[in-house]
Every structure is written in structure tokens, then in C-alpha cells.
Amino acid sequence: MARFIKIYDENPNLIEIDKVVKVLQSGGLVIYPTDTVYGLGCDITNTKALEKVAKIKGVKLEKANFSFVCNDLSHLSDYVKQIATPVYKILRRALPGPYTFILPGSTNLPKAFKKRKTVGIRIPDNNIARTIVEQLGNPIVSTSIHDEDEVIEYTTDPELIFEKWQHLVDIVIDGGYGDNQASTVIDLTDDIPEVIREGKGSLDVI
């Protein structure tokens, strides 16, 4: 059964963050808060963990639309091809924030994503998620926690999330109530930005 850990966004406890990092390093799955909805994630370099996430989501790993949660833009060049200045300016304007940007993937993508031509990048405005990534040393994969309820698309209460997911993951982080609106997804692989999904993030950034 999963551990239920309380971490505060304003000042994340590094001892608790370290527990999360150790679980990720050992191939575990974690549910964590972002600036939008709660996410299910694992270490992007651990293929077995990625396969577990894909299985939970009911998709094949090679076809899964997982995004990478990064701490800041400094590691962008590790996973993304060189991008034009106007694209970089959009990223600087919008991030950290409730956006997922689809960018051209580089040849350095982790093994499980080698065949991908694009990669979704997230830098959430949430200290818990970003501190986990910072301490881990590389991004974590992110996929939203959906609710089966046709009316309530996303569960916002971490205690209810724990009740539902405790036997599927290793840690559920209680970072307070989440949002019920997912990130805005914008494709920046072409000259003209394309909005794939309108979510919490304003379109003013493009």
C-alpha cells in the first residue's frame, strides 16, 4: 500500500522530498500535485516504471502521450532540438505555468522515447513538483489523474486520490487541494503555434 505524505507547496520539506526521490530512483510510481491537476509520474529514465504507468493508463508505452516535468528551462537542450528565439521567448513568458508545450525531440531522449519526434515539456508553477525534479536530477513523466465520474473530470481531494490509488502507486503526496482544470497544450513544432487543448493557461502567451 502507498504511503501518504503531506508536503507544503510554500516550503517543501526536503526530508519528505528525499523519500519521494528514493522511491522514484527505485522505479516507484508517485502521485504529486502540480499547478493544475494531480499527476501520476515516475523517473523518465526507468523504462519498467514507465511501462507500469502506461499499463495503468491503458496505453502502449510507445504511443503514450506523457509529458516531461522539468525544474526549469536549463535542461531543455537535453531533450529538445535547438529551438528558434521566438519559441524560446514564448517558453520564457509562460513558464513556470499551467502549460504543456510540444517541442521537437532531440536524439538524447531516454530509451523508451527514442522513436519520438516530439516531446511535451511541463514546468509547473508548483514548488513540490519542481523540487522533486531538482533533487532527482532529471525530469519525471507526467500524466493526469482522471476521475471515472462523467461530471467530475479530475479528482481534487488528495485523500480521495489516496483511497482510489493506494494499491497502484508507492506514494501519494498531499499538497493540498488540486485544480480541476488541466494544462493548456500548445504545439510549437511549426512556425505558427497550434493550441491542442485549451486548459488553465491563458492563450495570451502566444
Protein backbone atom coordinates (compact mmCIF):
# COMPACT_ATOMS: atom_id res chain seq x y z
CA MET A 1 0.00 0.00 0.00
CA ALA A 2 1.15 3.50 -0.81
CA ARG A 3 2.49 6.00 1.71
CA PHE A 4 0.51 9.22 2.13
CA ILE A 5 2.90 12.15 2.61
CA LYS A 6 1.96 15.75 3.41
CA ILE A 7 4.22 18.34 1.75
CA TYR A 8 3.58 22.11 1.68
CA ASP A 9 4.00 23.95 -1.61
CA GLU A 10 5.24 27.18 0.03
CA ASN A 11 8.25 25.48 1.63
CA PRO A 12 8.68 21.80 0.64
CA ASN A 13 10.27 19.67 3.38
CA LEU A 14 13.47 18.26 1.87
CA ILE A 15 13.40 15.19 4.14
CA GLU A 16 9.97 14.27 2.73
CA ILE A 17 11.10 15.18 -0.81
CA ASP A 18 14.07 12.85 -0.35
CA LYS A 19 11.70 9.97 0.45
CA VAL A 20 9.88 10.63 -2.81
CA VAL A 21 13.14 10.82 -4.77
CA LYS A 22 14.34 7.48 -3.36
CA VAL A 23 11.07 5.84 -4.43
CA LEU A 24 11.41 7.28 -7.93
CA GLN A 25 15.03 6.13 -8.17
CA SER A 26 13.97 2.60 -7.25
CA GLY A 27 11.38 2.51 -10.04
CA GLY A 28 8.36 3.50 -7.96
CA LEU A 29 5.28 5.47 -9.00
CA VAL A 30 4.23 8.72 -7.35
CA ILE A 31 1.10 10.87 -7.45
CA TYR A 32 2.01 14.52 -6.93
CA PRO A 33 0.45 17.99 -7.15
CA THR A 34 1.08 20.43 -9.98
CA ASP A 35 -0.28 23.91 -10.69
CA THR A 36 -3.23 22.23 -12.44
CA VAL A 37 -4.46 18.70 -11.68
CA TYR A 38 -2.72 15.96 -9.72
CA GLY A 39 -0.29 13.94 -11.81
CA LEU A 40 0.89 10.33 -11.90
CA GLY A 41 4.60 10.08 -12.57
CA CYS A 42 7.87 8.20 -12.44
CA ASP A 43 11.53 8.70 -13.39
CA ILE A 44 11.73 9.19 -17.19
CA THR A 45 14.93 7.11 -17.34
CA ASN A 46 13.30 4.00 -15.81
CA THR A 47 11.64 2.01 -18.60
CA LYS A 48 9.98 -0.52 -16.27
CA ALA A 49 8.39 2.26 -14.26
CA LEU A 50 7.22 3.96 -17.48
CA GLU A 51 5.65 0.67 -18.60
CA LYS A 52 3.77 0.47 -15.28
CA VAL A 53 2.38 3.98 -15.78
CA ALA A 54 1.36 3.12 -19.37
CA LYS A 55 -0.37 -0.05 -18.17
CA ILE A 56 -2.34 1.90 -15.54
CA LYS A 57 -3.40 4.37 -18.23
CA GLY A 58 -4.34 1.51 -20.58
CA VAL A 59 -2.00 2.54 -23.39
CA LYS A 60 1.13 1.14 -25.01
CA LEU A 61 4.25 2.96 -23.86
CA GLU A 62 5.37 3.81 -27.40
CA LYS A 63 2.01 5.50 -28.06
CA ALA A 64 1.58 7.19 -24.68
CA ASN A 65 1.37 11.00 -24.65
CA PHE A 66 3.36 11.54 -21.47
CA SER A 67 4.96 14.90 -20.82
CA PHE A 68 8.23 15.63 -19.03
CA VAL A 69 8.06 17.69 -15.85
CA CYS A 70 11.21 19.83 -15.63
CA ASN A 71 12.53 22.12 -12.93
CA ASP A 72 13.42 24.97 -15.27
CA LEU A 73 14.49 25.63 -18.86
CA SER A 74 18.16 24.80 -18.23
CA HIS A 75 17.76 21.12 -19.17
CA LEU A 76 15.71 21.82 -22.27
CA SER A 77 18.64 21.15 -24.62
CA ASP A 78 18.98 17.63 -23.14
CA TYR A 79 15.65 16.57 -24.64
CA VAL A 80 14.70 19.16 -27.24
CA LYS A 81 16.30 20.11 -30.56
CA GLN A 82 17.60 23.62 -30.90
CA ILE A 83 14.63 25.97 -30.99
CA ALA A 84 14.17 29.38 -32.59
CA THR A 85 14.36 32.55 -30.49
CA PRO A 86 10.61 33.37 -30.83
CA VAL A 87 9.75 29.90 -29.46
CA TYR A 88 12.16 30.34 -26.56
CA LYS A 89 10.55 33.72 -25.78
CA ILE A 90 7.13 32.05 -25.55
CA LEU A 91 8.54 29.48 -23.12
CA ARG A 92 10.17 32.22 -21.02
CA ARG A 93 6.87 34.13 -20.90
CA ALA A 94 4.69 31.16 -19.98
CA LEU A 95 6.85 29.06 -17.66
CA PRO A 96 6.65 28.13 -14.87
CA GLY A 97 2.92 27.89 -15.50
CA PRO A 98 -0.09 25.72 -16.41
CA TYR A 99 1.13 24.79 -19.89
CA THR A 100 2.40 21.77 -21.76
CA PHE A 101 4.49 22.72 -24.79
CA ILE A 102 5.06 20.22 -27.58
CA LEU A 103 8.58 20.66 -28.94
CA PRO A 104 10.84 18.76 -31.38
CA GLY A 105 12.57 15.91 -29.53
CA SER A 106 16.36 15.55 -29.63
CA THR A 107 18.39 12.40 -30.18
CA ASN A 108 19.18 12.33 -26.45
CA LEU A 109 15.68 11.27 -25.35
CA PRO A 110 15.59 8.39 -22.85
CA LYS A 111 15.48 4.88 -24.28
CA ALA A 112 11.69 4.50 -24.06
CA PHE A 113 11.16 7.68 -26.10
CA LYS A 114 13.90 7.24 -28.73
CA LYS A 115 11.44 6.93 -31.64
CA ARG A 116 9.58 10.10 -30.67
CA LYS A 117 9.84 13.11 -32.95
CA THR A 118 8.26 15.41 -30.35
CA VAL A 119 8.18 15.75 -26.58
CA GLY A 120 5.77 17.53 -24.23
CA ILE A 121 7.51 19.79 -21.71
CA ARG A 122 5.93 20.97 -18.41
CA ILE A 123 7.41 23.33 -15.84
CA PRO A 124 4.57 23.66 -13.35
CA ASP A 125 4.26 26.64 -11.03
CA ASN A 126 4.41 24.26 -8.06
CA ASN A 127 7.38 24.05 -5.71
CA ILE A 128 6.72 20.43 -4.72
CA ALA A 129 6.89 19.07 -8.27
CA ARG A 130 9.87 21.23 -9.22
CA THR A 131 11.82 20.41 -6.05
CA ILE A 132 11.31 16.67 -6.65
CA VAL A 133 12.73 17.04 -10.17
CA GLU A 134 15.60 19.21 -8.93
CA GLN A 135 16.59 16.65 -6.27
CA LEU A 136 16.14 13.70 -8.67
CA GLY A 137 18.43 15.29 -11.25
CA ASN A 138 16.23 14.62 -14.30
CA PRO A 139 12.58 15.09 -15.29
CA ILE A 140 9.71 12.91 -14.19
CA VAL A 141 7.00 11.77 -16.55
CA SER A 142 3.58 13.30 -16.04
CA THR A 143 0.09 12.11 -16.90
CA SER A 144 -3.11 13.48 -15.39
CA ILE A 145 -5.16 11.64 -12.78
CA HIS A 146 -8.62 11.32 -14.32
CA ASP A 147 -11.81 10.52 -12.46
CA GLU A 148 -14.33 7.99 -13.82
CA ASP A 149 -17.16 10.36 -12.96
CA GLU A 150 -18.56 11.88 -16.17
CA VAL A 151 -19.18 15.19 -14.43
CA ILE A 152 -16.02 15.43 -12.29
CA GLU A 153 -13.17 15.02 -14.77
CA TYR A 154 -10.37 15.36 -12.20
CA THR A 155 -10.29 14.50 -8.51
CA THR A 156 -9.07 17.46 -6.47
CA ASP A 157 -9.02 15.99 -2.94
CA PRO A 158 -5.71 14.19 -2.18
CA GLU A 159 -7.39 11.96 0.42
CA LEU A 160 -9.85 10.69 -2.17
CA ILE A 161 -6.98 10.20 -4.61
CA PHE A 162 -5.17 8.13 -1.98
CA GLU A 163 -8.27 5.98 -1.38
CA LYS A 164 -8.51 5.17 -5.08
CA TRP A 165 -4.83 4.83 -5.98
CA GLN A 166 -3.16 3.47 -2.84
CA HIS A 167 -2.77 -0.05 -4.26
CA LEU A 168 -1.44 1.11 -7.64
CA VAL A 169 1.33 3.54 -6.64
CA ASP A 170 4.05 3.84 -3.99
CA ILE A 171 3.47 7.38 -2.70
CA VAL A 172 0.59 9.84 -2.84
CA ILE A 173 1.65 13.38 -1.94
CA ASP A 174 -0.89 15.56 -0.18
CA GLY A 175 -0.04 19.01 -1.45
CA GLY A 176 -3.46 20.47 -0.72
CA TYR A 177 -6.49 20.56 -2.98
CA GLY A 178 -5.65 20.37 -6.68
CA ASP A 179 -7.29 22.17 -9.56
CA ASN A 180 -9.90 20.53 -11.77
CA GLN A 181 -8.64 22.04 -14.99
CA ALA A 182 -5.72 20.53 -16.90
CA SER A 183 -2.85 22.40 -18.54
CA THR A 184 -3.17 24.23 -21.83
CA VAL A 185 -1.35 22.22 -24.52
CA ILE A 186 0.38 24.20 -27.28
CA ASP A 187 2.31 22.69 -30.20
CA LEU A 188 5.39 24.78 -31.04
CA THR A 189 6.92 22.43 -33.61
CA ASP A 190 5.77 24.57 -36.57
CA ASP A 191 6.16 28.26 -37.34
CA ILE A 192 2.65 29.02 -36.08
CA PRO A 193 1.76 27.83 -32.55
CA GLU A 194 -1.18 25.42 -32.52
CA VAL A 195 -3.46 25.06 -29.50
CA ILE A 196 -4.10 21.33 -28.96
CA ARG A 197 -6.09 21.70 -25.74
CA GLU A 198 -7.34 24.87 -24.08
CA GLY A 199 -6.94 24.45 -20.32
CA LYS A 200 -5.98 26.54 -17.33
CA GLY A 201 -3.22 28.52 -19.11
CA SER A 202 -4.22 31.69 -20.92
CA LEU A 203 -3.62 31.85 -24.68
CA ASP A 204 -2.17 35.36 -24.31
CA VAL A 205 1.35 33.87 -24.16
CA ILE A 206 1.29 33.15 -27.90
